[in-house]
Amino acid sequence: MKAVVIEDFGAPSQATLQDLPMPEPGAGQLLIAVEAAPVNFVDSLVFTGKYQFLPERPFTPGKGPAGKIVAIGEGVEGFEVGQRVLAMAEHGGYAEAALVPAKDAYVLPENVSSEDAGVLSLAFDTAWTALFEQGRMQPGDTVLVLGATGAVGNAAMQLAKIKGAKVLAAVSSPDRADEVKRYGADAIVDLSQPNLRDSLREQVYAQTGGRGADVVIDPLGGDIFDAALRAVAWRGRVVVVGFAAGRIPTIKANYLMLKNIEVSGLQVSDYRKRRPDILDAAFREILALASEGRILPGPRKTYALAEFATALDDLLERRARGRVLLVPNGAVD
């Protein structure tokens, strides 16, 4: 089988596409033919060795692949060869076949394709946990989603709307308004307005009668986080899920006390290790909603496995609209 292999950390282009022996599943594992492997911002940290969870080299990167079961390891129950699954593996997805933990695999409904599952992967479980565990969102809350056109942002908008929130989508340009409203946004916050420190808060206050946002989902960090913190309602909750804008912000603790607000961080892989019951509940609901047509997996751009470096670069440089997927065993756009 062909697989992307990282032998030394560095730019994605330094990794190589290699022919490897087809693996056999061990105890507690499934072997899947990978039909869709999401390309994520965090993958750039894996390639460069900056991610907090890294296996021994050489290894194949790629979190959360979806595909068809071709072999089942000893002691695994509840799965059958030929079933399609979404497997929340920490690595191995950038390949034609992958060994994945059965405990982290979810059988896909018939009407949810592997590509759809690849779009849901890592984005919807992150958003679900950020909203309902860390953010404790309740019906009637106002949720401000930063990075609303990204994968986690899209997921957060849809899930918050389904659960009865008012959704404010922060976008880089008002031209993106129709796009985010299709996925649940009630109104936009225009990040291109001058004096972001004040203009973001003014826009949120205008949409909330001066109250502010009850929950903020932030995959961006940087100046946008700084501005959003000033737009949080009394007893509001900010959940940090990433730093795609580049700068890791700092917080003056007295500001948290003055407004009785909370800022928490989410590393969803830790939930998978420490509270798998919560992630199981998340995926049961996410896949049920997808099967019912209540959430839209959304647009995607597909790439051949050999194009992995281009796919990641297109994601980082925002040249690709929607989710970026590798399709090692399928047709590409």
Protein backbone atom coordinates (compact mmCIF):
# COMPACT_ATOMS: atom_id res chain seq x y z
CA MET A 1 0.00 0.00 0.00
CA LYS A 2 1.05 3.61 -0.47
CA ALA A 3 1.42 5.84 2.58
CA VAL A 4 2.90 9.22 3.48
CA VAL A 5 5.86 8.71 5.82
CA ILE A 6 7.50 11.26 8.12
CA GLU A 7 11.07 10.25 8.82
CA ASP A 8 12.34 13.68 9.93
CA PHE A 9 10.30 16.64 11.09
CA GLY A 10 10.14 19.59 8.72
CA ALA A 11 8.09 21.00 5.86
CA PRO A 12 5.37 18.66 4.54
CA SER A 13 7.22 18.44 1.23
CA GLN A 14 10.08 16.66 3.06
CA ALA A 15 7.81 13.70 3.82
CA THR A 16 7.69 10.96 1.21
CA LEU A 17 5.08 8.74 -0.38
CA GLN A 18 6.27 5.17 0.11
CA ASP A 19 5.20 1.62 -0.69
CA LEU A 20 4.69 -0.21 2.60
CA PRO A 21 3.55 -3.75 3.41
CA MET A 22 -0.16 -4.07 4.10
CA PRO A 23 -0.47 -4.17 7.91
CA GLU A 24 -2.48 -6.70 9.88
CA PRO A 25 -4.73 -5.58 12.72
CA GLY A 26 -3.64 -6.50 16.22
CA ALA A 27 -5.81 -6.94 19.26
CA GLY A 28 -8.38 -4.17 19.53
CA GLN A 29 -7.67 -2.82 16.03
CA LEU A 30 -9.44 -2.49 12.71
CA LEU A 31 -7.78 -2.28 9.31
CA ILE A 32 -9.64 0.10 7.02
CA ALA A 33 -9.27 1.00 3.38
CA VAL A 34 -9.09 4.78 3.67
CA GLU A 35 -11.71 6.51 1.53
CA ALA A 36 -11.35 10.01 2.99
CA ALA A 37 -8.67 11.52 5.24
CA PRO A 38 -9.24 15.08 6.43
CA VAL A 39 -6.37 17.55 6.14
CA ASN A 40 -6.27 19.70 9.27
CA PHE A 41 -4.38 22.75 10.49
CA VAL A 42 -2.99 20.60 13.28
CA ASP A 43 -1.35 18.36 10.66
CA SER A 44 1.08 21.18 9.92
CA LEU A 45 2.21 20.97 13.55
CA VAL A 46 2.62 17.21 13.26
CA PHE A 47 4.84 17.48 10.17
CA THR A 48 7.05 20.07 11.86
CA GLY A 49 7.22 18.20 15.17
CA LYS A 50 5.43 20.94 17.14
CA TYR A 51 2.35 18.95 18.11
CA GLN A 52 2.09 17.77 21.71
CA PHE A 53 1.27 14.14 20.81
CA LEU A 54 3.77 12.56 18.42
CA PRO A 55 4.53 8.86 17.81
CA GLU A 56 8.01 7.55 17.24
CA ARG A 57 9.39 8.14 13.75
CA PRO A 58 8.99 7.02 11.08
CA PHE A 59 5.20 7.25 11.07
CA THR A 60 2.26 8.13 8.84
CA PRO A 61 0.31 11.27 9.81
CA GLY A 62 -3.43 11.86 9.38
CA LYS A 63 -6.12 12.13 12.06
CA GLY A 64 -9.66 10.85 11.80
CA PRO A 65 -9.82 8.89 8.52
CA ALA A 66 -13.01 7.28 7.22
CA GLY A 67 -13.24 4.13 5.16
CA LYS A 68 -14.28 0.50 4.82
CA ILE A 69 -13.28 -2.26 7.24
CA VAL A 70 -11.16 -4.90 5.51
CA ALA A 71 -9.90 -6.86 8.54
CA ILE A 72 -10.71 -7.10 12.25
CA GLY A 73 -8.26 -7.76 15.07
CA GLU A 74 -8.57 -10.16 17.97
CA GLY A 75 -11.09 -9.29 20.66
CA VAL A 76 -12.98 -6.72 18.60
CA GLU A 77 -16.76 -7.01 18.71
CA GLY A 78 -19.57 -5.03 17.15
CA PHE A 79 -17.96 -4.55 13.71
CA GLU A 80 -18.13 -6.45 10.43
CA VAL A 81 -15.88 -6.52 7.39
CA GLY A 82 -17.35 -4.23 4.74
CA GLN A 83 -18.83 -1.71 7.18
CA ARG A 84 -17.83 1.91 6.70
CA VAL A 85 -16.51 3.68 9.78
CA LEU A 86 -15.22 7.02 10.93
CA ALA A 87 -12.09 6.23 12.92
CA MET A 88 -10.77 8.90 15.26
CA ALA A 89 -7.19 7.65 15.10
CA GLU A 90 -4.42 10.06 16.09
CA HIS A 91 -2.33 9.19 13.03
CA GLY A 92 -2.18 6.87 10.03
CA GLY A 93 -4.85 8.42 7.82
CA TYR A 94 -2.56 9.66 5.03
CA ALA A 95 -2.45 6.19 3.46
CA GLU A 96 -4.39 3.74 1.33
CA ALA A 97 -5.03 1.64 4.43
CA ALA A 98 -4.81 2.39 8.14
CA LEU A 99 -4.79 0.53 11.43
CA VAL A 100 -7.21 2.24 13.82
CA PRO A 101 -8.37 1.57 17.39
CA ALA A 102 -11.77 -0.12 17.33
CA LYS A 103 -12.75 1.75 20.50
CA ASP A 104 -12.48 5.05 18.60
CA ALA A 105 -14.35 3.91 15.48
CA TYR A 106 -17.99 4.68 14.69
CA VAL A 107 -20.10 2.83 12.14
CA LEU A 108 -21.47 5.26 9.56
CA PRO A 109 -25.18 5.43 8.71
CA GLU A 110 -25.91 4.26 5.17
CA ASN A 111 -26.74 7.77 3.95
CA VAL A 112 -23.55 9.36 5.36
CA SER A 113 -20.72 8.87 2.87
CA SER A 114 -17.09 8.39 3.83
CA GLU A 115 -16.33 11.81 2.34
CA ASP A 116 -19.09 13.35 4.46
CA ALA A 117 -17.62 11.63 7.50
CA GLY A 118 -14.21 13.03 6.59
CA VAL A 119 -15.72 16.51 6.61
CA LEU A 120 -17.28 15.88 10.03
CA SER A 121 -14.11 14.36 11.45
CA LEU A 122 -12.27 16.33 14.15
CA ALA A 123 -14.34 19.45 13.37
CA PHE A 124 -17.75 18.45 14.70
CA ASP A 125 -16.48 16.55 17.75
CA THR A 126 -14.29 19.55 18.62
CA ALA A 127 -17.20 21.97 18.19
CA TRP A 128 -19.62 19.73 20.11
CA THR A 129 -17.25 19.42 23.07
CA ALA A 130 -16.40 23.12 23.02
CA LEU A 131 -20.04 24.17 22.99
CA PHE A 132 -21.71 21.71 25.31
CA GLU A 133 -18.97 20.56 27.68
CA GLN A 134 -16.52 23.44 28.05
CA GLY A 135 -18.93 26.20 27.05
CA ARG A 136 -22.05 24.74 28.75
CA MET A 137 -24.22 26.31 26.05
CA GLN A 138 -27.94 26.51 26.77
CA PRO A 139 -30.91 27.25 24.49
CA GLY A 140 -31.29 31.01 24.16
CA ASP A 141 -27.59 31.74 24.59
CA THR A 142 -25.78 33.97 22.11
CA VAL A 143 -22.80 32.16 20.61
CA LEU A 144 -20.03 34.10 18.88
CA VAL A 145 -18.09 31.84 16.50
CA LEU A 146 -14.68 33.13 15.47
CA GLY A 147 -13.21 31.67 12.30
CA ALA A 148 -16.74 30.87 11.20
CA THR A 149 -15.75 29.84 7.67
CA GLY A 150 -13.27 27.24 8.92
CA ALA A 151 -14.10 23.61 9.67
CA VAL A 152 -14.60 23.98 13.44
CA GLY A 153 -16.38 27.29 12.97
CA ASN A 154 -18.82 25.79 10.48
CA ALA A 155 -19.52 22.90 12.85
CA ALA A 156 -20.00 25.22 15.84
CA MET A 157 -22.50 27.37 13.95
CA GLN A 158 -24.61 24.41 12.91
CA LEU A 159 -24.61 22.67 16.28
CA ALA A 160 -25.30 25.87 18.23
CA LYS A 161 -28.23 26.73 15.95
CA ILE A 162 -29.72 23.24 16.24
CA LYS A 163 -29.56 23.55 20.04
CA GLY A 164 -31.42 26.85 20.08
CA ALA A 165 -28.70 29.50 20.27
CA LYS A 166 -28.48 32.84 18.52
CA VAL A 167 -25.38 32.53 16.35
CA LEU A 168 -23.04 35.40 15.48
CA ALA A 169 -20.46 34.46 12.85
CA ALA A 170 -17.18 36.37 12.76
CA VAL A 171 -15.95 36.59 9.16
CA SER A 172 -13.03 38.24 7.42
CA SER A 173 -15.30 40.03 4.94
CA PRO A 174 -19.03 40.83 4.68
CA ASP A 175 -18.90 39.00 1.33
CA ARG A 176 -18.96 35.76 3.35
CA ALA A 177 -22.32 36.59 4.96
CA ASP A 178 -24.50 34.42 2.71
CA GLU A 179 -22.11 31.51 3.15
CA VAL A 180 -22.24 31.46 6.95
CA LYS A 181 -25.97 32.18 7.11
CA ARG A 182 -26.56 29.03 5.10
CA TYR A 183 -24.99 27.10 7.96
CA GLY A 184 -26.90 28.71 10.80
CA ALA A 185 -25.55 32.21 11.44
CA ASP A 186 -28.19 34.74 12.44
CA ALA A 187 -25.86 37.68 11.85
CA ILE A 188 -22.22 38.38 11.08
CA VAL A 189 -19.44 40.20 12.86
CA ASP A 190 -17.19 41.83 10.26
CA LEU A 191 -13.55 41.40 11.25
CA SER A 192 -12.40 43.67 8.42
CA GLN A 193 -13.78 46.80 10.09
CA PRO A 194 -11.16 49.27 11.38
CA ASN A 195 -10.20 49.42 15.05
CA LEU A 196 -11.06 45.76 15.70
CA ARG A 197 -10.57 46.16 19.45
CA ASP A 198 -13.68 48.35 19.62
CA SER A 199 -15.55 47.47 16.43
CA LEU A 200 -15.94 43.78 17.29
CA ARG A 201 -17.50 44.58 20.65
CA GLU A 202 -19.73 47.26 19.13
CA GLN A 203 -21.07 44.78 16.57
CA VAL A 204 -21.73 42.09 19.18
CA TYR A 205 -23.40 44.56 21.52
CA ALA A 206 -25.59 45.82 18.69
CA GLN A 207 -26.84 42.26 18.13
CA THR A 208 -27.40 41.50 21.82
CA GLY A 209 -28.87 44.70 23.22
CA GLY A 210 -25.57 45.59 24.86
CA ARG A 211 -25.34 42.27 26.71
CA GLY A 212 -22.53 40.50 24.87
CA ALA A 213 -21.93 36.87 23.87
CA ASP A 214 -22.64 34.07 26.34
CA VAL A 215 -20.26 31.64 24.61
CA VAL A 216 -17.30 32.38 22.32
CA ILE A 217 -15.67 29.61 20.29
CA ASP A 218 -12.17 30.66 19.25
CA PRO A 219 -9.95 28.66 16.87
CA LEU A 220 -7.97 31.79 15.91
CA GLY A 221 -6.28 33.53 18.84
CA GLY A 222 -4.22 36.67 18.20
CA ASP A 223 -5.80 40.11 18.02
CA ILE A 224 -9.21 38.59 17.32
CA PHE A 225 -9.19 36.79 20.67
CA ASP A 226 -8.18 40.02 22.43
CA ALA A 227 -11.08 41.88 20.84
CA ALA A 228 -13.61 39.09 21.42
CA LEU A 229 -12.78 38.90 25.12
CA ARG A 230 -14.16 42.43 25.47
CA ALA A 231 -17.47 41.33 23.90
CA VAL A 232 -18.27 38.58 26.41
CA ALA A 233 -21.42 38.83 28.51
CA TRP A 234 -21.40 38.71 32.31
CA ARG A 235 -20.66 35.08 33.27
CA GLY A 236 -19.79 34.33 29.65
CA ARG A 237 -17.52 31.46 28.59
CA VAL A 238 -14.71 31.61 26.04
CA VAL A 239 -13.39 28.30 24.71
CA VAL A 240 -9.99 28.37 23.01
CA VAL A 241 -9.55 25.59 20.44
CA GLY A 242 -6.58 26.83 18.42
CA PHE A 243 -4.33 29.65 17.25
CA ALA A 244 -4.77 29.70 13.48
CA ALA A 245 -4.12 33.46 13.44
CA GLY A 246 -0.58 32.77 14.65
CA ARG A 247 -0.13 34.60 17.96
CA ILE A 248 -0.94 32.89 21.24
CA PRO A 249 -2.65 35.61 23.30
CA THR A 250 -2.25 36.35 27.00
CA ILE A 251 -4.94 37.34 29.49
CA LYS A 252 -4.96 39.73 32.43
CA ALA A 253 -6.61 37.70 35.17
CA ASN A 254 -8.23 40.74 36.76
CA TYR A 255 -10.38 41.18 33.63
CA LEU A 256 -11.83 37.72 34.15
CA MET A 257 -12.74 38.61 37.70
CA LEU A 258 -14.26 41.98 36.85
CA LYS A 259 -16.77 40.44 34.43
CA ASN A 260 -17.10 37.02 36.11
CA ILE A 261 -16.11 35.34 32.85
CA GLU A 262 -14.32 32.08 32.11
CA VAL A 263 -11.68 31.20 29.54
CA SER A 264 -10.95 27.52 29.03
CA GLY A 265 -8.93 25.52 26.53
CA LEU A 266 -9.96 22.44 24.61
CA GLN A 267 -7.66 19.66 23.40
CA VAL A 268 -10.20 17.16 22.10
CA SER A 269 -7.66 14.32 21.94
CA ASP A 270 -7.46 14.47 25.74
CA TYR A 271 -11.21 13.90 25.93
CA ARG A 272 -10.75 10.86 23.70
CA LYS A 273 -8.15 9.46 26.12
CA ARG A 274 -9.66 10.53 29.44
CA ARG A 275 -13.43 10.74 28.79
CA PRO A 276 -14.27 8.49 25.85
CA ASP A 277 -17.86 8.36 27.08
CA ILE A 278 -18.27 12.05 26.24
CA LEU A 279 -16.82 11.62 22.74
CA ASP A 280 -19.06 8.59 22.20
CA ALA A 281 -22.09 10.71 23.08
CA ALA A 282 -20.87 13.45 20.76
CA PHE A 283 -20.47 11.14 17.78
CA ARG A 284 -23.78 9.37 18.37
CA GLU A 285 -25.53 12.71 18.17
CA ILE A 286 -23.44 14.10 15.30
CA LEU A 287 -23.91 11.06 13.08
CA ALA A 288 -27.63 10.89 13.89
CA LEU A 289 -28.05 14.55 12.95
CA ALA A 290 -26.10 14.00 9.73
CA SER A 291 -28.22 10.96 8.87
CA GLU A 292 -31.39 13.01 9.44
CA GLY A 293 -30.10 15.81 7.22
CA ARG A 294 -30.14 18.30 10.08
CA ILE A 295 -26.46 19.13 9.72
CA LEU A 296 -24.73 19.69 6.40
CA PRO A 297 -21.24 18.24 6.08
CA GLY A 298 -20.59 21.12 3.69
CA PRO A 299 -18.27 21.72 0.74
CA ARG A 300 -15.00 19.95 0.30
CA LYS A 301 -12.00 19.87 -2.00
CA THR A 302 -10.47 16.47 -2.67
CA TYR A 303 -6.86 15.61 -3.48
CA ALA A 304 -5.00 12.45 -4.42
CA LEU A 305 -2.76 10.97 -1.74
CA ALA A 306 0.35 12.06 -3.64
CA GLU A 307 -0.86 15.67 -3.40
CA PHE A 308 -0.75 15.73 0.41
CA ALA A 309 1.76 18.62 0.62
CA THR A 310 -0.25 20.73 -1.86
CA ALA A 311 -3.46 19.97 0.00
CA LEU A 312 -2.01 21.12 3.32
CA ASP A 313 -0.52 24.23 1.74
CA ASP A 314 -3.85 25.11 0.10
CA LEU A 315 -5.52 24.74 3.49
CA LEU A 316 -3.01 26.92 5.30
CA GLU A 317 -3.05 29.60 2.60
CA ARG A 318 -6.88 29.52 2.43
CA ARG A 319 -6.94 28.69 -1.26
CA ALA A 320 -9.45 25.89 -0.73
CA ARG A 321 -13.05 26.69 0.20
CA GLY A 322 -14.57 24.14 2.53
CA ARG A 323 -12.93 21.03 3.96
CA VAL A 324 -9.76 19.61 2.43
CA LEU A 325 -9.72 15.82 2.00
CA LEU A 326 -7.28 13.24 0.73
CA VAL A 327 -9.02 10.40 -1.12
CA PRO A 328 -6.38 7.65 -1.39
CA ASN A 329 -8.74 5.16 -3.05
CA GLY A 330 -11.16 7.40 -4.91
CA ALA A 331 -11.73 10.08 -7.54
CA VAL A 332 -10.50 13.62 -6.93
CA ASP A 333 -11.85 17.04 -7.96
